[in-house]
Amino acid sequence: MANILDRFKETVEEKKEALTGKKVKVGIIGTGWIAEAHVANYLKCKDVEIVAAADLIPGKAEKFCKANGIESVHLYPDHKSMIDAEELDAVSVCTYNKTHAECTIYALEHGVNVLLEKPMCVTLEEAVAICKAEKASGKILSIGFQPRFDPNMQMLKKIVQSGELGKIYYIQTGGGRRRGIPTPYGTSFIEEKTAGLGALGDIGCYSLDMVLNAIGYPKPLSVSGYTSAFFGTDPAYYPNHPEYADVFTVDDFAAAFIRLEGDIVLDFRISWAMNLDTPGDTIILGTKGGLRVPSTECWNGSIGGPLKIYKTVAGEEIEYEVDMKHDDVDNFYKKIRLFIDAVKENGAAPVPSSQIIYNQAIIDGIAKSARLGKEITLDIPEI
């Protein structure tokens, strides 16, 4: 058994910080809670200087910067005034989902590299516009999928790409929280006017990226989707804030059956709230083997335990586990560091939009299919 597992041992290559002597000047667009993680990890990079921050809410950026130890930065009321006034090398877009596209496109059109938080945006049309702006600008756009840099996620991809499972033909994936609607951060996640999407975009994009990245991001062809909001619209869910139910206008559960190029089908489900601890493990079935990825109770883009492989060897049905991988570097820091390295070296985006546009097409397709009540064909233009 050890010989089989040895095939998947990783060669660890440490990525060193580029030493060009020039600090990368960064601006923060949107100063909500996710921006805290961006700032904390930029501050760990000696070759980065946070020089500006922008937020639409008066006083919010100033309060944020003081709380996060970056009081010397220039503050702006919106992304346009910041980008127009500053000589920025890069920005982090940490705004509401509904404004991801406009902020990213404006930055790219003005020659600024972008690290865009997930989900990429809300609609496929927005994703196409973002990709066109990126191509025209020649700048780097990376999407914020830090779970990709987890060594266990990378091992998952290595196993699939090695051919050990044979031809992949069926995938079951998703995740969920028994009770996990993100209202501790206010109502920005649960209102259509700011979020555009609920659980489908918030954590569904992670689940899709895990398996699509593993199999090489084949093009999605069609989607039959379903969404619901039984928990989010129930005042009883929020004993301390029953008024939240009145403004809940996104999904708290989504499911879909997706057809991909290569004759692969993807069975997907995601939830912020449900009467179950988990909607099930991720399963990848191939002609030579199967792979089980254990679920977690509160899904956030991580793996819940050792990967398990099922094969037939010499006529015997066997099962074996791949030991969990660990390193001492935080995945969020890797996301920031790799983006900065790409900016300094004019390298490739760590998480390219050419892949994530397929992720967004599926999410948008699920939402549209759910509204129409029927399967739809996905039409993704070449950029």
Protein backbone atom coordinates (compact mmCIF):
# COMPACT_ATOMS: atom_id res chain seq x y z
CA MET A 1 0.00 0.00 0.00
CA ALA A 2 2.88 2.36 0.77
CA ASN A 3 4.07 2.08 -2.83
CA ILE A 4 0.70 3.31 -4.10
CA LEU A 5 0.68 6.26 -1.70
CA ASP A 6 4.27 7.15 -2.64
CA ARG A 7 3.05 8.10 -6.10
CA PHE A 8 1.30 11.11 -4.61
CA LYS A 9 4.10 12.47 -2.42
CA GLU A 10 4.65 16.16 -3.05
CA THR A 11 7.91 17.84 -3.82
CA VAL A 12 7.87 20.95 -1.66
CA GLU A 13 9.33 23.99 -3.40
CA GLU A 14 9.38 27.14 -1.32
CA LYS A 15 8.33 30.29 -3.13
CA LYS A 16 10.72 33.11 -2.22
CA GLU A 17 9.72 36.74 -2.13
CA ALA A 18 10.89 38.72 -5.12
CA LEU A 19 13.67 41.10 -4.10
CA THR A 20 13.45 43.91 -6.63
CA GLY A 21 13.80 46.69 -4.08
CA LYS A 22 10.52 48.27 -5.17
CA LYS A 23 7.51 48.21 -2.90
CA VAL A 24 4.20 47.37 -4.50
CA LYS A 25 1.71 50.14 -3.81
CA VAL A 26 -1.70 48.67 -2.92
CA GLY A 27 -5.14 50.17 -2.44
CA ILE A 28 -8.08 48.54 -0.66
CA ILE A 29 -11.54 48.92 -2.24
CA GLY A 30 -14.22 48.14 0.34
CA THR A 31 -13.34 48.01 4.03
CA GLY A 32 -15.67 45.32 5.34
CA TRP A 33 -14.62 42.27 7.34
CA ILE A 34 -12.91 40.36 4.49
CA ALA A 35 -10.64 43.36 3.89
CA GLU A 36 -9.17 42.76 7.35
CA ALA A 37 -7.61 39.50 6.13
CA HIS A 38 -6.23 41.25 3.04
CA VAL A 39 -4.61 44.00 5.11
CA ALA A 40 -3.24 41.60 7.73
CA ASN A 41 -1.50 39.55 5.06
CA TYR A 42 -0.29 42.49 2.98
CA LEU A 43 1.37 43.76 6.17
CA LYS A 44 3.35 40.50 6.34
CA CYS A 45 4.89 41.30 2.94
CA LYS A 46 7.91 43.57 3.37
CA ASP A 47 7.74 44.58 -0.28
CA VAL A 48 4.15 45.91 -0.08
CA GLU A 49 2.92 49.32 1.00
CA ILE A 50 -0.79 49.92 1.57
CA VAL A 51 -1.23 53.51 0.48
CA ALA A 52 -4.99 54.02 0.10
CA ALA A 53 -8.43 52.74 1.04
CA ALA A 54 -11.91 53.52 -0.25
CA ASP A 55 -15.42 52.89 1.04
CA LEU A 56 -18.83 54.29 0.13
CA ILE A 57 -19.95 54.58 3.76
CA PRO A 58 -18.70 57.85 5.32
CA GLY A 59 -16.15 57.27 8.10
CA LYS A 60 -15.95 53.51 7.56
CA ALA A 61 -12.56 53.49 5.82
CA GLU A 62 -11.03 55.75 8.45
CA LYS A 63 -12.30 53.55 11.29
CA PHE A 64 -11.13 50.43 9.49
CA CYS A 65 -7.63 51.75 8.89
CA LYS A 66 -7.19 52.83 12.50
CA ALA A 67 -8.38 49.45 13.74
CA ASN A 68 -5.97 47.63 11.43
CA GLY A 69 -2.88 49.72 12.05
CA ILE A 70 -2.64 51.53 8.71
CA GLU A 71 -3.49 55.08 9.71
CA SER A 72 -1.07 56.76 7.28
CA VAL A 73 -3.05 55.77 4.17
CA HIS A 74 -5.07 58.15 1.98
CA LEU A 75 -8.84 57.72 2.29
CA TYR A 76 -11.43 58.03 -0.48
CA PRO A 77 -15.24 57.90 -0.74
CA ASP A 78 -15.22 55.51 -3.73
CA HIS A 79 -12.97 53.38 -5.93
CA LYS A 80 -12.92 55.81 -8.85
CA SER A 81 -11.59 58.76 -6.87
CA MET A 82 -8.93 56.55 -5.28
CA ILE A 83 -7.71 55.07 -8.56
CA ASP A 84 -7.77 58.47 -10.28
CA ALA A 85 -5.73 60.14 -7.54
CA GLU A 86 -3.19 57.45 -6.63
CA GLU A 87 -0.35 55.77 -8.54
CA LEU A 88 -1.31 52.23 -7.58
CA ASP A 89 0.30 48.99 -8.65
CA ALA A 90 -2.57 46.85 -7.38
CA VAL A 91 -5.90 46.85 -5.58
CA SER A 92 -7.86 44.33 -3.56
CA VAL A 93 -11.56 44.44 -4.42
CA CYS A 94 -13.38 43.56 -1.19
CA THR A 95 -16.77 45.11 -1.90
CA TYR A 96 -20.29 43.69 -2.10
CA ASN A 97 -20.73 41.04 -4.80
CA LYS A 98 -22.92 43.41 -6.80
CA THR A 99 -20.07 45.92 -7.21
CA HIS A 100 -17.24 43.46 -7.96
CA ALA A 101 -17.52 43.95 -11.69
CA GLU A 102 -17.59 47.75 -11.83
CA CYS A 103 -14.68 48.16 -9.39
CA THR A 104 -12.54 45.53 -11.12
CA ILE A 105 -13.20 46.82 -14.63
CA TYR A 106 -12.40 50.43 -13.64
CA ALA A 107 -9.11 49.38 -12.04
CA LEU A 108 -8.05 47.29 -15.04
CA GLU A 109 -8.99 50.04 -17.48
CA HIS A 110 -6.73 52.39 -15.53
CA GLY A 111 -3.72 50.07 -15.58
CA VAL A 112 -4.02 48.61 -12.09
CA ASN A 113 -3.60 44.91 -11.25
CA VAL A 114 -6.49 43.38 -9.31
CA LEU A 115 -6.97 40.76 -6.62
CA LEU A 116 -10.72 40.18 -6.71
CA GLU A 117 -12.49 38.50 -3.81
CA LYS A 118 -14.81 35.59 -4.51
CA PRO A 119 -17.31 35.14 -5.98
CA MET A 120 -15.97 36.67 -9.17
CA CYS A 121 -19.23 38.62 -9.63
CA VAL A 122 -22.96 37.87 -9.89
CA THR A 123 -23.75 37.15 -13.54
CA LEU A 124 -22.00 35.58 -16.50
CA GLU A 125 -22.42 38.83 -18.42
CA GLU A 126 -20.41 40.63 -15.72
CA ALA A 127 -17.73 37.94 -15.81
CA VAL A 128 -17.40 38.33 -19.57
CA ALA A 129 -17.03 42.10 -19.20
CA ILE A 130 -14.35 41.63 -16.53
CA CYS A 131 -12.38 39.21 -18.71
CA LYS A 132 -12.57 41.54 -21.70
CA ALA A 133 -11.26 44.43 -19.59
CA GLU A 134 -8.45 42.23 -18.29
CA LYS A 135 -7.42 41.15 -21.79
CA ALA A 136 -7.45 44.73 -23.09
CA SER A 137 -5.44 46.01 -20.12
CA GLY A 138 -2.66 43.42 -20.12
CA LYS A 139 -2.79 43.56 -16.33
CA ILE A 140 -3.02 40.72 -13.82
CA LEU A 141 -6.39 39.67 -12.43
CA SER A 142 -6.46 36.93 -9.81
CA ILE A 143 -9.61 35.64 -8.12
CA GLY A 144 -9.65 35.04 -4.35
CA PHE A 145 -9.86 31.26 -4.03
CA GLN A 146 -7.32 30.61 -1.25
CA PRO A 147 -8.48 26.98 -0.63
CA ARG A 148 -6.62 26.11 -3.85
CA PHE A 149 -3.36 26.63 -1.99
CA ASP A 150 -4.19 24.14 0.76
CA PRO A 151 -1.83 21.15 0.39
CA ASN A 152 -4.75 18.72 0.63
CA MET A 153 -6.58 20.50 -2.19
CA GLN A 154 -3.42 20.31 -4.24
CA MET A 155 -3.09 16.62 -3.45
CA LEU A 156 -6.67 16.08 -4.61
CA LYS A 157 -5.79 17.64 -7.95
CA LYS A 158 -2.57 15.63 -8.25
CA ILE A 159 -4.42 12.38 -7.71
CA VAL A 160 -7.03 13.16 -10.35
CA GLN A 161 -4.51 14.53 -12.85
CA SER A 162 -2.21 11.51 -12.38
CA GLY A 163 -4.75 9.30 -14.15
CA GLU A 164 -5.01 7.00 -11.15
CA LEU A 165 -8.81 7.22 -11.29
CA GLY A 166 -9.02 6.78 -15.06
CA LYS A 167 -11.59 8.77 -17.03
CA ILE A 168 -13.74 10.90 -14.72
CA TYR A 169 -17.43 10.58 -15.50
CA TYR A 170 -19.41 11.57 -12.37
CA ILE A 171 -18.86 14.04 -9.52
CA GLN A 172 -20.99 14.71 -6.47
CA THR A 173 -20.02 17.80 -4.52
CA GLY A 174 -21.32 20.54 -2.29
CA GLY A 175 -21.29 21.59 1.29
CA GLY A 176 -23.46 23.11 3.89
CA ARG A 177 -24.09 24.51 7.30
CA ARG A 178 -26.89 23.30 9.52
CA ARG A 179 -27.34 26.87 10.72
CA GLY A 180 -24.96 29.34 9.11
CA ILE A 181 -26.62 32.30 7.41
CA PRO A 182 -23.92 35.01 7.72
CA THR A 183 -25.94 37.68 9.50
CA PRO A 184 -23.28 38.39 12.15
CA TYR A 185 -21.86 40.69 9.45
CA GLY A 186 -25.14 42.58 9.07
CA THR A 187 -27.47 42.22 6.10
CA SER A 188 -25.09 42.78 3.17
CA PHE A 189 -24.85 39.01 2.55
CA ILE A 190 -28.61 38.44 2.55
CA GLU A 191 -29.95 41.33 0.45
CA GLU A 192 -30.17 40.97 -3.31
CA LYS A 193 -29.25 44.63 -3.83
CA THR A 194 -25.79 44.08 -2.32
CA ALA A 195 -25.05 40.34 -2.55
CA GLY A 196 -26.96 39.31 -5.65
CA LEU A 197 -26.42 35.69 -4.62
CA GLY A 198 -26.72 33.81 -1.34
CA ALA A 199 -25.14 30.49 -0.39
CA LEU A 200 -24.84 29.70 -4.10
CA GLY A 201 -22.25 32.41 -4.63
CA ASP A 202 -20.80 32.74 -1.15
CA ILE A 203 -19.68 29.15 -0.51
CA GLY A 204 -20.95 27.38 -3.62
CA CYS A 205 -18.15 28.93 -5.67
CA TYR A 206 -15.59 27.25 -3.36
CA SER A 207 -17.20 23.85 -3.74
CA LEU A 208 -17.31 24.14 -7.51
CA ASP A 209 -13.70 25.31 -7.71
CA MET A 210 -12.48 22.35 -5.65
CA VAL A 211 -13.70 19.77 -8.16
CA LEU A 212 -13.46 21.80 -11.37
CA ASN A 213 -9.85 22.69 -10.64
CA ALA A 214 -9.09 19.03 -9.90
CA ILE A 215 -10.41 17.86 -13.27
CA GLY A 216 -8.88 20.71 -15.29
CA TYR A 217 -11.86 23.08 -15.55
CA PRO A 218 -13.78 21.59 -18.49
CA LYS A 219 -16.34 23.87 -20.12
CA PRO A 220 -19.85 23.63 -18.64
CA LEU A 221 -22.53 22.90 -21.22
CA SER A 222 -25.92 22.92 -19.46
CA VAL A 223 -27.48 23.35 -16.04
CA SER A 224 -30.69 22.31 -14.34
CA GLY A 225 -30.84 24.30 -11.13
CA TYR A 226 -32.96 24.83 -8.03
CA THR A 227 -32.78 27.43 -5.27
CA SER A 228 -34.81 28.10 -2.13
CA ALA A 229 -34.92 30.41 0.89
CA PHE A 230 -37.09 28.66 3.47
CA PHE A 231 -34.84 29.47 6.44
CA GLY A 232 -33.67 32.96 5.51
CA THR A 233 -37.23 34.27 5.13
CA ASP A 234 -38.44 32.78 8.43
CA PRO A 235 -38.39 35.30 11.33
CA ALA A 236 -37.99 32.39 13.76
CA TYR A 237 -34.49 31.80 12.39
CA TYR A 238 -33.37 35.14 13.86
CA PRO A 239 -34.68 35.30 17.45
CA ASN A 240 -32.75 38.53 18.10
CA HIS A 241 -33.36 40.11 14.69
CA PRO A 242 -36.64 38.83 13.21
CA GLU A 243 -36.63 41.84 10.87
CA TYR A 244 -33.83 40.17 8.87
CA ALA A 245 -36.43 37.85 7.36
CA ASP A 246 -38.07 40.84 5.65
CA VAL A 247 -34.89 41.80 3.79
CA PHE A 248 -33.67 38.28 2.97
CA THR A 249 -33.87 38.26 -0.83
CA VAL A 250 -31.23 35.71 -1.88
CA ASP A 251 -30.96 31.91 -1.71
CA ASP A 252 -30.01 29.89 1.37
CA PHE A 253 -29.95 26.57 -0.53
CA ALA A 254 -29.12 25.60 -4.10
CA ALA A 255 -28.83 22.37 -6.05
CA ALA A 256 -28.08 21.53 -9.66
CA PHE A 257 -27.25 18.89 -12.22
CA ILE A 258 -24.53 20.16 -14.54
CA ARG A 259 -23.20 18.65 -17.77
CA LEU A 260 -19.54 19.33 -18.59
CA GLU A 261 -17.40 18.80 -21.65
CA GLY A 262 -15.82 15.36 -21.75
CA ASP A 263 -19.09 13.60 -20.92
CA ILE A 264 -18.83 14.44 -17.20
CA VAL A 265 -21.83 15.12 -14.99
CA LEU A 266 -21.71 17.15 -11.79
CA ASP A 267 -24.29 16.72 -9.02
CA PHE A 268 -24.10 19.82 -6.81
CA ARG A 269 -25.76 21.13 -3.64
CA ILE A 270 -24.90 23.94 -1.23
CA SER A 271 -26.58 25.37 1.86
CA TRP A 272 -26.36 28.09 4.48
CA ALA A 273 -29.10 26.42 6.52
CA MET A 274 -30.77 23.00 6.45
CA ASN A 275 -32.11 20.27 8.72
CA LEU A 276 -29.01 18.12 8.27
CA ASP A 277 -25.39 18.25 9.40
CA THR A 278 -23.96 17.84 5.89
CA PRO A 279 -25.35 17.22 2.39
CA GLY A 280 -22.67 14.55 1.94
CA ASP A 281 -19.06 13.96 0.99
CA THR A 282 -17.57 14.96 -2.33
CA ILE A 283 -17.25 11.93 -4.62
CA ILE A 284 -15.26 11.68 -7.84
CA LEU A 285 -15.90 8.54 -9.89
CA GLY A 286 -13.52 7.35 -12.59
CA THR A 287 -13.24 4.23 -14.72
CA LYS A 288 -10.21 2.98 -12.74
CA GLY A 289 -11.00 4.26 -9.27
CA GLY A 290 -13.10 6.43 -7.04
CA LEU A 291 -12.19 9.20 -4.60
CA ARG A 292 -14.04 10.36 -1.50
CA VAL A 293 -13.41 13.81 0.00
CA PRO A 294 -14.85 14.00 3.55
CA SER A 295 -17.26 16.86 4.22
CA THR A 296 -17.09 19.35 7.06
CA GLU A 297 -19.86 20.47 9.42
CA CYS A 298 -19.50 24.17 8.58
CA TRP A 299 -18.29 24.27 5.01
CA ASN A 300 -15.76 26.99 4.22
CA GLY A 301 -13.62 25.56 1.45
CA SER A 302 -11.66 23.03 3.48
CA ILE A 303 -11.33 19.24 3.50
CA GLY A 304 -12.81 17.39 6.46
CA GLY A 305 -10.37 14.47 6.68
CA PRO A 306 -8.05 12.15 4.74
CA LEU A 307 -8.88 11.55 1.10
CA LYS A 308 -9.99 7.95 0.48
CA ILE A 309 -9.32 6.08 -2.76
CA TYR A 310 -11.24 3.01 -3.93
CA LYS A 311 -9.70 0.69 -6.55
CA THR A 312 -9.60 -2.90 -7.75
CA VAL A 313 -6.06 -4.32 -7.63
CA ALA A 314 -5.28 -7.89 -8.80
CA GLY A 315 -8.96 -8.69 -8.63
CA GLU A 316 -9.28 -7.43 -5.05
CA GLU A 317 -11.39 -4.44 -4.02
CA ILE A 318 -9.22 -2.21 -1.90
CA GLU A 319 -9.55 1.14 -0.12
CA TYR A 320 -6.80 3.34 1.25
CA GLU A 321 -6.42 6.77 2.78
CA VAL A 322 -4.04 9.53 1.74
CA ASP A 323 -2.51 11.12 4.82
CA MET A 324 -3.55 14.71 5.50
CA LYS A 325 -0.97 17.27 4.42
CA HIS A 326 0.08 20.15 6.64
CA ASP A 327 2.25 23.21 6.28
CA ASP A 328 2.87 26.26 8.40
CA VAL A 329 1.84 28.89 5.86
CA ASP A 330 -1.68 30.30 6.00
CA ASN A 331 -3.62 29.85 2.75
CA PHE A 332 -4.79 33.45 2.77
CA TYR A 333 -1.20 34.64 3.00
CA LYS A 334 -0.34 32.40 0.03
CA LYS A 335 -3.13 34.07 -1.93
CA ILE A 336 -1.73 37.52 -1.19
CA ARG A 337 1.93 36.56 -1.62
CA LEU A 338 1.46 34.79 -4.96
CA PHE A 339 -0.54 37.73 -6.29
CA ILE A 340 2.17 40.19 -5.29
CA ASP A 341 4.86 37.99 -6.84
CA ALA A 342 2.87 37.88 -10.08
CA VAL A 343 2.55 41.67 -10.07
CA LYS A 344 6.27 42.20 -9.45
CA GLU A 345 7.41 39.62 -11.99
CA ASN A 346 4.64 40.26 -14.54
CA GLY A 347 3.78 36.61 -14.13
CA ALA A 348 0.64 34.55 -14.50
CA ALA A 349 -2.38 35.08 -12.25
CA PRO A 350 -2.40 32.51 -9.42
CA VAL A 351 -6.14 31.92 -9.97
CA PRO A 352 -6.88 32.93 -13.57
CA SER A 353 -10.16 34.42 -14.73
CA SER A 354 -10.09 32.10 -17.75
CA GLN A 355 -11.02 29.30 -15.35
CA ILE A 356 -13.27 31.16 -12.93
CA ILE A 357 -15.49 32.44 -15.74
CA TYR A 358 -16.67 28.80 -16.01
CA ASN A 359 -17.32 28.75 -12.27
CA GLN A 360 -19.37 31.93 -12.63
CA ALA A 361 -21.22 30.59 -15.67
CA ILE A 362 -22.38 27.60 -13.62
CA ILE A 363 -23.48 29.76 -10.68
CA ASP A 364 -25.33 32.17 -12.94
CA GLY A 365 -26.81 29.25 -14.85
CA ILE A 366 -28.14 27.67 -11.67
CA ALA A 367 -29.82 30.93 -10.65
CA LYS A 368 -31.35 31.45 -14.11
CA SER A 369 -32.47 27.82 -14.44
CA ALA A 370 -34.10 28.00 -11.01
CA ARG A 371 -36.06 31.11 -12.01
CA LEU A 372 -37.18 29.53 -15.29
CA GLY A 373 -37.91 26.12 -13.77
CA LYS A 374 -36.13 24.22 -16.55
CA GLU A 375 -32.71 23.15 -17.81
CA ILE A 376 -30.76 25.77 -19.74
CA THR A 377 -27.82 25.66 -22.14
CA LEU A 378 -24.78 27.73 -21.17
CA ASP A 379 -23.42 30.04 -23.85
CA ILE A 380 -19.94 31.20 -22.81
CA PRO A 381 -18.26 33.41 -25.41
CA GLU A 382 -14.56 33.25 -26.23
CA ILE A 383 -12.73 36.24 -24.83
